[in-house]
């Protein structure tokens, strides 16, 4: 076993003070992060309702709903980040699964939004690069889903 070097009392007090200050600052950063996540979530939910209402007014319900659904996927991402933040504040641990879940949500959103863009005329329907991009998104989603599954469910391991 490695032994640590002896510490002088002044170093120890300085280190303890520095660690306390950094922990306090980190706590403040997490408060700012939590407020930003809540504000972003509220704005995205508002955007969802604005998109849905605009689609209703233009009588383009299918197209508008799919576009609004893409906006709602952002809320799902923010919700995963808020859950991770709550977990981190309670346990002081951040789980890799959160990154994988956010990646899956983002890729799912792109897989849904891409065809809507093609229908809306934002993307050429016969464009091979679009098909290639869609295939890469699908391959990325499958890869992240496999990694997510391989990590396993912590709750299943505990109980």
C-alpha atoms as a PDB file:
ATOM      1  CA  UNK A   1       0.000   0.000   0.000  1.00  0.00           C
ATOM      2  CA  UNK A   2       1.244   3.481  -0.792  1.00  0.00           C
ATOM      3  CA  UNK A   3       1.803   5.797   2.136  1.00  0.00           C
ATOM      4  CA  UNK A   4       1.091   9.465   1.817  1.00  0.00           C
ATOM      5  CA  UNK A   5       3.671  12.050   2.716  1.00  0.00           C
ATOM      6  CA  UNK A   6       3.285  13.649   6.132  1.00  0.00           C
ATOM      7  CA  UNK A   7       1.350  16.892   6.029  1.00  0.00           C
ATOM      8  CA  UNK A   8       2.098  19.992   7.955  1.00  0.00           C
ATOM      9  CA  UNK A   9      -0.763  21.511   9.937  1.00  0.00           C
ATOM     10  CA  UNK A  10      -0.757  24.685   7.787  1.00  0.00           C
ATOM     11  CA  UNK A  11      -1.037  22.638   4.590  1.00  0.00           C
ATOM     12  CA  UNK A  12      -3.837  20.639   6.058  1.00  0.00           C
ATOM     13  CA  UNK A  13      -5.787  23.763   7.061  1.00  0.00           C
ATOM     14  CA  UNK A  14      -5.145  25.371   3.680  1.00  0.00           C
ATOM     15  CA  UNK A  15      -6.226  22.226   1.855  1.00  0.00           C
ATOM     16  CA  UNK A  16      -9.342  21.873   4.005  1.00  0.00           C
ATOM     17  CA  UNK A  17     -10.277  25.505   3.380  1.00  0.00           C
ATOM     18  CA  UNK A  18      -9.701  25.126  -0.349  1.00  0.00           C
ATOM     19  CA  UNK A  19     -11.785  21.955  -0.488  1.00  0.00           C
ATOM     20  CA  UNK A  20     -14.612  23.640   1.464  1.00  0.00           C
ATOM     21  CA  UNK A  21     -14.529  26.655  -0.867  1.00  0.00           C
ATOM     22  CA  UNK A  22     -14.553  24.450  -3.974  1.00  0.00           C
ATOM     23  CA  UNK A  23     -17.451  22.375  -2.630  1.00  0.00           C
ATOM     24  CA  UNK A  24     -19.421  25.553  -1.903  1.00  0.00           C
ATOM     25  CA  UNK A  25     -18.704  26.926  -5.365  1.00  0.00           C
ATOM     26  CA  UNK A  26     -19.660  23.598  -6.923  1.00  0.00           C
ATOM     27  CA  UNK A  27     -22.940  23.701  -4.975  1.00  0.00           C
ATOM     28  CA  UNK A  28     -23.604  27.199  -6.343  1.00  0.00           C
ATOM     29  CA  UNK A  29     -22.888  25.984  -9.874  1.00  0.00           C
ATOM     30  CA  UNK A  30     -25.405  23.163  -9.404  1.00  0.00           C
ATOM     31  CA  UNK A  31     -28.039  25.683  -8.278  1.00  0.00           C
ATOM     32  CA  UNK A  32     -27.392  27.723 -11.437  1.00  0.00           C
ATOM     33  CA  UNK A  33     -27.500  24.555 -13.536  1.00  0.00           C
ATOM     34  CA  UNK A  34     -30.790  23.456 -11.959  1.00  0.00           C
ATOM     35  CA  UNK A  35     -32.380  26.872 -12.558  1.00  0.00           C
ATOM     36  CA  UNK A  36     -31.162  26.863 -16.173  1.00  0.00           C
ATOM     37  CA  UNK A  37     -32.576  23.367 -16.772  1.00  0.00           C
ATOM     38  CA  UNK A  38     -35.961  24.350 -15.353  1.00  0.00           C
ATOM     39  CA  UNK A  39     -36.047  27.562 -17.408  1.00  0.00           C
ATOM     40  CA  UNK A  40     -35.032  25.709 -20.583  1.00  0.00           C
ATOM     41  CA  UNK A  41     -37.700  23.066 -19.952  1.00  0.00           C
ATOM     42  CA  UNK A  42     -40.388  25.697 -19.493  1.00  0.00           C
ATOM     43  CA  UNK A  43     -39.348  27.465 -22.694  1.00  0.00           C
ATOM     44  CA  UNK A  44     -39.351  24.240 -24.708  1.00  0.00           C
ATOM     45  CA  UNK A  45     -42.794  23.259 -23.370  1.00  0.00           C
ATOM     46  CA  UNK A  46     -44.018  26.716 -24.365  1.00  0.00           C
ATOM     47  CA  UNK A  47     -42.507  26.204 -27.833  1.00  0.00           C
ATOM     48  CA  UNK A  48     -44.354  22.873 -28.109  1.00  0.00           C
ATOM     49  CA  UNK A  49     -47.704  24.560 -27.463  1.00  0.00           C
ATOM     50  CA  UNK A  50     -46.876  27.418 -29.864  1.00  0.00           C
ATOM     51  CA  UNK A  51     -45.975  24.893 -32.608  1.00  0.00           C
ATOM     52  CA  UNK A  52     -49.115  22.850 -31.972  1.00  0.00           C
ATOM     53  CA  UNK A  53     -51.317  25.970 -32.005  1.00  0.00           C
ATOM     54  CA  UNK A  54     -49.709  27.271 -35.218  1.00  0.00           C
ATOM     55  CA  UNK A  55     -50.279  23.894 -36.883  1.00  0.00           C
ATOM     56  CA  UNK A  56     -53.913  23.949 -35.768  1.00  0.00           C
ATOM     57  CA  UNK A  57     -54.413  27.457 -37.158  1.00  0.00           C
ATOM     58  CA  UNK A  58     -52.804  26.562 -40.499  1.00  0.00           C
ATOM     59  CA  UNK A  59     -54.826  23.346 -40.694  1.00  0.00           C
ATOM     60  CA  UNK A  60     -51.638  21.289 -40.990  1.00  0.00           C
ATOM     61  CA  UNK A  61     -52.207  19.056 -38.001  1.00  0.00           C
ATOM     62  CA  UNK A  62     -50.151  16.028 -39.086  1.00  0.00           C
ATOM     63  CA  UNK A  63     -47.110  18.022 -40.149  1.00  0.00           C
ATOM     64  CA  UNK A  64     -47.386  20.404 -37.205  1.00  0.00           C
ATOM     65  CA  UNK A  65     -47.870  17.631 -34.689  1.00  0.00           C
ATOM     66  CA  UNK A  66     -44.785  15.774 -35.900  1.00  0.00           C
ATOM     67  CA  UNK A  67     -42.758  18.981 -35.734  1.00  0.00           C
ATOM     68  CA  UNK A  68     -44.111  19.707 -32.252  1.00  0.00           C
ATOM     69  CA  UNK A  69     -43.253  16.139 -31.259  1.00  0.00           C
ATOM     70  CA  UNK A  70     -39.651  16.833 -32.263  1.00  0.00           C
ATOM     71  CA  UNK A  71     -39.716  19.820 -29.920  1.00  0.00           C
ATOM     72  CA  UNK A  72     -41.158  17.611 -27.182  1.00  0.00           C
ATOM     73  CA  UNK A  73     -38.176  15.252 -27.497  1.00  0.00           C
ATOM     74  CA  UNK A  74     -36.049  18.148 -26.279  1.00  0.00           C
ATOM     75  CA  UNK A  75     -38.197  18.196 -23.123  1.00  0.00           C
ATOM     76  CA  UNK A  76     -37.451  14.500 -22.694  1.00  0.00           C
ATOM     77  CA  UNK A  77     -33.731  15.252 -22.938  1.00  0.00           C
ATOM     78  CA  UNK A  78     -34.010  18.050 -20.396  1.00  0.00           C
ATOM     79  CA  UNK A  79     -36.001  15.772 -18.097  1.00  0.00           C
ATOM     80  CA  UNK A  80     -33.225  13.168 -18.228  1.00  0.00           C
ATOM     81  CA  UNK A  81     -30.684  15.865 -17.397  1.00  0.00           C
ATOM     82  CA  UNK A  82     -32.797  17.143 -14.500  1.00  0.00           C
ATOM     83  CA  UNK A  83     -33.122  13.590 -13.137  1.00  0.00           C
ATOM     84  CA  UNK A  84     -29.355  13.189 -13.427  1.00  0.00           C
ATOM     85  CA  UNK A  85     -28.814  16.481 -11.611  1.00  0.00           C
ATOM     86  CA  UNK A  86     -31.148  15.428  -8.786  1.00  0.00           C
ATOM     87  CA  UNK A  87     -29.332  12.112  -8.554  1.00  0.00           C
ATOM     88  CA  UNK A  88     -25.958  13.858  -8.506  1.00  0.00           C
ATOM     89  CA  UNK A  89     -26.987  16.286  -5.778  1.00  0.00           C
ATOM     90  CA  UNK A  90     -28.355  13.426  -3.637  1.00  0.00           C
ATOM     91  CA  UNK A  91     -25.591  10.853  -4.174  1.00  0.00           C
ATOM     92  CA  UNK A  92     -22.633  12.866  -5.533  1.00  0.00           C
ATOM     93  CA  UNK A  93     -22.379  10.359  -8.417  1.00  0.00           C
ATOM     94  CA  UNK A  94     -23.083  10.847 -12.091  1.00  0.00           C
ATOM     95  CA  UNK A  95     -24.021   7.786 -14.096  1.00  0.00           C
ATOM     96  CA  UNK A  96     -22.843   6.990 -17.619  1.00  0.00           C
ATOM     97  CA  UNK A  97     -26.370   5.805 -18.461  1.00  0.00           C
ATOM     98  CA  UNK A  98     -27.533   9.425 -18.478  1.00  0.00           C
ATOM     99  CA  UNK A  99     -25.186  10.308 -21.344  1.00  0.00           C
ATOM    100  CA  UNK A 100     -26.359   7.270 -23.277  1.00  0.00           C
ATOM    101  CA  UNK A 101     -30.042   8.073 -22.638  1.00  0.00           C
ATOM    102  CA  UNK A 102     -29.573  11.662 -23.806  1.00  0.00           C
ATOM    103  CA  UNK A 103     -27.767  10.392 -26.921  1.00  0.00           C
ATOM    104  CA  UNK A 104     -30.599   7.936 -27.651  1.00  0.00           C
ATOM    105  CA  UNK A 105     -33.250  10.617 -27.196  1.00  0.00           C
ATOM    106  CA  UNK A 106     -31.351  12.976 -29.499  1.00  0.00           C
ATOM    107  CA  UNK A 107     -30.935  10.315 -32.181  1.00  0.00           C
ATOM    108  CA  UNK A 108     -34.610   9.312 -31.909  1.00  0.00           C
ATOM    109  CA  UNK A 109     -35.580  12.951 -32.342  1.00  0.00           C
ATOM    110  CA  UNK A 110     -33.465  13.208 -35.480  1.00  0.00           C
ATOM    111  CA  UNK A 111     -34.981  10.000 -36.868  1.00  0.00           C
ATOM    112  CA  UNK A 112     -38.448  11.473 -36.432  1.00  0.00           C
ATOM    113  CA  UNK A 113     -37.648  15.020 -37.581  1.00  0.00           C
ATOM    114  CA  UNK A 114     -35.747  13.946 -40.714  1.00  0.00           C
ATOM    115  CA  UNK A 115     -38.785  12.503 -42.558  1.00  0.00           C
ATOM    116  CA  UNK A 116     -40.838  15.541 -41.531  1.00  0.00           C
ATOM    117  CA  UNK A 117     -38.190  17.755 -43.117  1.00  0.00           C
ATOM    118  CA  UNK A 118     -38.427  15.675 -46.308  1.00  0.00           C
ATOM    119  CA  UNK A 119     -42.219  16.042 -46.399  1.00  0.00           C
ATOM    120  CA  UNK A 120     -41.953  19.780 -45.739  1.00  0.00           C
ATOM    121  CA  UNK A 121     -39.510  20.148 -48.624  1.00  0.00           C
ATOM    122  CA  UNK A 122     -36.560  21.167 -46.435  1.00  0.00           C
ATOM    123  CA  UNK A 123     -34.652  18.068 -47.625  1.00  0.00           C
ATOM    124  CA  UNK A 124     -34.648  16.575 -51.127  1.00  0.00           C
ATOM    125  CA  UNK A 125     -36.519  13.242 -51.074  1.00  0.00           C
ATOM    126  CA  UNK A 126     -34.350  11.631 -53.768  1.00  0.00           C
ATOM    127  CA  UNK A 127     -31.089  12.830 -52.250  1.00  0.00           C
ATOM    128  CA  UNK A 128     -28.773   9.868 -51.470  1.00  0.00           C
ATOM    129  CA  UNK A 129     -26.853  11.871 -48.877  1.00  0.00           C
ATOM    130  CA  UNK A 130     -30.095  12.224 -46.902  1.00  0.00           C
ATOM    131  CA  UNK A 131     -30.615   8.470 -47.031  1.00  0.00           C
ATOM    132  CA  UNK A 132     -26.997   7.959 -45.963  1.00  0.00           C
ATOM    133  CA  UNK A 133     -27.443  10.400 -43.049  1.00  0.00           C
ATOM    134  CA  UNK A 134     -30.631   8.627 -41.994  1.00  0.00           C
ATOM    135  CA  UNK A 135     -28.811   5.275 -42.082  1.00  0.00           C
ATOM    136  CA  UNK A 136     -25.989   6.700 -39.970  1.00  0.00           C
ATOM    137  CA  UNK A 137     -28.516   8.029 -37.448  1.00  0.00           C
ATOM    138  CA  UNK A 138     -30.144   4.614 -37.261  1.00  0.00           C
ATOM    139  CA  UNK A 139     -26.764   2.868 -36.874  1.00  0.00           C
ATOM    140  CA  UNK A 140     -25.797   5.362 -34.158  1.00  0.00           C
ATOM    141  CA  UNK A 141     -29.050   4.741 -32.313  1.00  0.00           C
ATOM    142  CA  UNK A 142     -28.559   0.974 -32.443  1.00  0.00           C
ATOM    143  CA  UNK A 143     -24.955   1.334 -31.219  1.00  0.00           C
ATOM    144  CA  UNK A 144     -25.915   3.578 -28.305  1.00  0.00           C
ATOM    145  CA  UNK A 145     -28.844   1.307 -27.415  1.00  0.00           C
ATOM    146  CA  UNK A 146     -26.525  -1.718 -27.303  1.00  0.00           C
ATOM    147  CA  UNK A 147     -24.063   0.179 -25.079  1.00  0.00           C
ATOM    148  CA  UNK A 148     -26.975   1.266 -22.855  1.00  0.00           C
ATOM    149  CA  UNK A 149     -28.121  -2.344 -22.538  1.00  0.00           C
ATOM    150  CA  UNK A 150     -24.606  -3.615 -21.834  1.00  0.00           C
ATOM    151  CA  UNK A 151     -24.178  -1.194 -18.947  1.00  0.00           C
ATOM    152  CA  UNK A 152     -27.305  -2.673 -17.402  1.00  0.00           C
ATOM    153  CA  UNK A 153     -29.884  -1.390 -15.012  1.00  0.00           C
ATOM    154  CA  UNK A 154     -28.469  -0.473 -11.590  1.00  0.00           C
ATOM    155  CA  UNK A 155     -31.843  -0.884  -9.910  1.00  0.00           C
ATOM    156  CA  UNK A 156     -32.124  -4.462 -11.198  1.00  0.00           C
ATOM    157  CA  UNK A 157     -28.674  -5.211  -9.768  1.00  0.00           C
ATOM    158  CA  UNK A 158     -29.569  -3.808  -6.330  1.00  0.00           C
ATOM    159  CA  UNK A 159     -32.916  -5.542  -5.915  1.00  0.00           C
END
